[in-house]
Amino acid sequence: MAKKSKPADKSGNSAANEISDNELESLSGGRLSGAQYTQQQQARAEKAGLKRQKQQSKK
């Protein structure tokens, strides 16, 4: 299936539309609220940041 670019959602956040609803559901095991999704993204970013710090400290 070709990926269609969607217009920005009601919140005006186009980044959320980069992942389709179905992909989001399969990732999270269910539909998330916007706040929960944002928290999850922040947690992932923090984990990624910690990994980067650990890699840098090994040098």
N, C-alpha and C. Protein backbone atom coordinates (compact mmCIF):
# COMPACT_ATOMS: atom_id res chain seq x y z
N MET A 1 0.84 -1.20 0.00
CA MET A 1 0.00 0.00 0.00
C MET A 1 0.88 1.25 0.00
N ALA A 2 0.52 2.18 -0.82
CA ALA A 2 1.25 3.44 -0.85
C ALA A 2 0.87 4.26 0.38
N LYS A 3 1.85 4.90 0.96
CA LYS A 3 1.57 5.71 2.14
C LYS A 3 1.12 7.09 1.71
N LYS A 4 -0.09 7.45 2.13
CA LYS A 4 -0.61 8.78 1.80
C LYS A 4 -0.18 9.75 2.88
N SER A 5 0.22 10.93 2.48
CA SER A 5 0.53 11.94 3.50
C SER A 5 -0.79 12.56 3.94
N LYS A 6 -1.01 12.53 5.25
CA LYS A 6 -2.26 13.07 5.79
C LYS A 6 -2.07 14.53 6.17
N PRO A 7 -3.14 15.30 6.17
CA PRO A 7 -3.05 16.65 6.70
C PRO A 7 -2.84 16.60 8.21
N ALA A 8 -2.42 17.69 8.79
CA ALA A 8 -2.20 17.73 10.23
C ALA A 8 -3.50 17.42 10.96
N ASP A 9 -3.40 16.69 12.08
CA ASP A 9 -4.60 16.36 12.83
C ASP A 9 -5.13 17.59 13.56
N LYS A 10 -6.20 17.39 14.35
CA LYS A 10 -6.88 18.52 14.97
C LYS A 10 -5.96 19.34 15.86
N SER A 11 -4.98 18.70 16.47
CA SER A 11 -4.07 19.43 17.35
C SER A 11 -3.01 20.19 16.54
N GLY A 12 -2.98 19.96 15.24
CA GLY A 12 -2.00 20.63 14.40
C GLY A 12 -0.65 19.94 14.44
N ASN A 13 -0.62 18.72 14.98
CA ASN A 13 0.64 17.99 15.11
C ASN A 13 0.77 17.02 13.95
N SER A 14 1.55 17.38 12.95
CA SER A 14 1.68 16.53 11.77
C SER A 14 2.60 15.35 12.04
N ALA A 15 3.50 15.48 13.03
CA ALA A 15 4.45 14.40 13.32
C ALA A 15 3.70 13.13 13.75
N ALA A 16 2.59 13.31 14.46
CA ALA A 16 1.82 12.17 14.94
C ALA A 16 1.28 11.36 13.76
N ASN A 17 1.09 12.03 12.63
CA ASN A 17 0.53 11.35 11.47
C ASN A 17 1.56 10.56 10.69
N GLU A 18 2.82 10.66 11.06
CA GLU A 18 3.84 9.90 10.35
C GLU A 18 3.68 8.41 10.61
N ILE A 19 3.11 8.07 11.77
CA ILE A 19 2.78 6.68 12.07
C ILE A 19 1.27 6.54 11.92
N SER A 20 0.83 5.55 11.17
CA SER A 20 -0.61 5.38 10.97
C SER A 20 -1.25 4.89 12.27
N ASP A 21 -2.57 5.07 12.38
CA ASP A 21 -3.29 4.63 13.58
C ASP A 21 -3.08 3.14 13.82
N ASN A 22 -3.12 2.36 12.74
CA ASN A 22 -2.95 0.91 12.90
C ASN A 22 -1.57 0.57 13.42
N GLU A 23 -0.56 1.24 12.93
CA GLU A 23 0.80 1.00 13.41
C GLU A 23 0.92 1.38 14.88
N LEU A 24 0.30 2.50 15.23
CA LEU A 24 0.33 2.95 16.63
C LEU A 24 -0.32 1.90 17.52
N GLU A 25 -1.48 1.40 17.09
CA GLU A 25 -2.19 0.40 17.89
C GLU A 25 -1.35 -0.85 18.07
N SER A 26 -0.71 -1.30 17.01
CA SER A 26 0.07 -2.53 17.12
C SER A 26 1.30 -2.31 18.00
N LEU A 27 1.86 -1.11 17.96
CA LEU A 27 3.02 -0.81 18.79
C LEU A 27 2.65 -0.76 20.26
N SER A 28 1.49 -0.17 20.56
CA SER A 28 1.12 0.09 21.95
C SER A 28 0.19 -0.98 22.50
N GLY A 29 -0.30 -1.87 21.65
CA GLY A 29 -1.26 -2.87 22.09
C GLY A 29 -2.63 -2.26 22.33
N GLY A 30 -2.87 -1.11 21.78
CA GLY A 30 -4.17 -0.44 21.95
C GLY A 30 -4.01 1.04 21.66
N ARG A 31 -5.11 1.70 21.47
CA ARG A 31 -5.06 3.13 21.13
C ARG A 31 -4.66 3.95 22.36
N LEU A 32 -3.73 4.83 22.17
CA LEU A 32 -3.27 5.68 23.27
C LEU A 32 -3.89 7.06 23.16
N SER A 33 -4.06 7.69 24.28
CA SER A 33 -4.46 9.09 24.26
C SER A 33 -3.25 9.92 23.85
N GLY A 34 -3.48 11.13 23.43
CA GLY A 34 -2.38 11.99 23.01
C GLY A 34 -1.36 12.17 24.13
N ALA A 35 -1.84 12.34 25.35
CA ALA A 35 -0.93 12.57 26.48
C ALA A 35 -0.08 11.33 26.73
N GLN A 36 -0.70 10.16 26.70
CA GLN A 36 0.05 8.92 26.93
C GLN A 36 1.09 8.73 25.84
N TYR A 37 0.70 9.02 24.60
CA TYR A 37 1.62 8.86 23.48
C TYR A 37 2.81 9.79 23.65
N THR A 38 2.54 11.02 24.06
CA THR A 38 3.61 12.01 24.26
C THR A 38 4.55 11.54 25.36
N GLN A 39 4.00 11.02 26.46
CA GLN A 39 4.83 10.52 27.56
C GLN A 39 5.71 9.38 27.07
N GLN A 40 5.13 8.50 26.26
CA GLN A 40 5.89 7.36 25.74
C GLN A 40 7.04 7.86 24.87
N GLN A 41 6.77 8.85 24.02
CA GLN A 41 7.80 9.39 23.15
C GLN A 41 8.91 10.03 23.98
N GLN A 42 8.52 10.74 25.05
CA GLN A 42 9.52 11.37 25.91
C GLN A 42 10.38 10.31 26.58
N ALA A 43 9.74 9.23 27.04
CA ALA A 43 10.49 8.16 27.71
C ALA A 43 11.48 7.53 26.73
N ARG A 44 11.05 7.32 25.49
CA ARG A 44 11.96 6.75 24.49
C ARG A 44 13.14 7.69 24.24
N ALA A 45 12.84 8.98 24.17
CA ALA A 45 13.90 9.96 23.92
C ALA A 45 14.90 9.97 25.07
N GLU A 46 14.38 9.86 26.30
CA GLU A 46 15.26 9.83 27.47
C GLU A 46 16.14 8.58 27.44
N LYS A 47 15.54 7.44 27.12
CA LYS A 47 16.32 6.19 27.04
C LYS A 47 17.41 6.32 25.99
N ALA A 48 17.05 6.88 24.83
CA ALA A 48 18.03 7.06 23.76
C ALA A 48 19.15 7.98 24.23
N GLY A 49 18.79 9.03 24.97
CA GLY A 49 19.78 9.96 25.48
C GLY A 49 20.72 9.28 26.47
N LEU A 50 20.17 8.41 27.32
CA LEU A 50 20.99 7.70 28.29
C LEU A 50 21.96 6.76 27.58
N LYS A 51 21.47 6.10 26.54
CA LYS A 51 22.35 5.20 25.78
C LYS A 51 23.51 5.98 25.18
N ARG A 52 23.18 7.17 24.63
CA ARG A 52 24.23 7.99 24.03
C ARG A 52 25.26 8.40 25.08
N GLN A 53 24.77 8.78 26.26
CA GLN A 53 25.69 9.20 27.33
C GLN A 53 26.60 8.04 27.72
N LYS A 54 26.04 6.83 27.84
CA LYS A 54 26.84 5.67 28.22
C LYS A 54 27.91 5.39 27.17
N GLN A 55 27.52 5.48 25.88
CA GLN A 55 28.47 5.23 24.80
C GLN A 55 29.60 6.26 24.84
N GLN A 56 29.25 7.51 25.12
CA GLN A 56 30.26 8.56 25.15
C GLN A 56 31.20 8.37 26.34
N SER A 57 30.67 7.91 27.48
CA SER A 57 31.51 7.78 28.67
C SER A 57 32.49 6.61 28.55
N LYS A 58 32.22 5.67 27.63
CA LYS A 58 33.14 4.54 27.42
C LYS A 58 34.43 4.99 26.75
N LYS A 59 34.35 6.08 25.97
CA LYS A 59 35.50 6.54 25.19
C LYS A 59 36.65 6.97 26.09
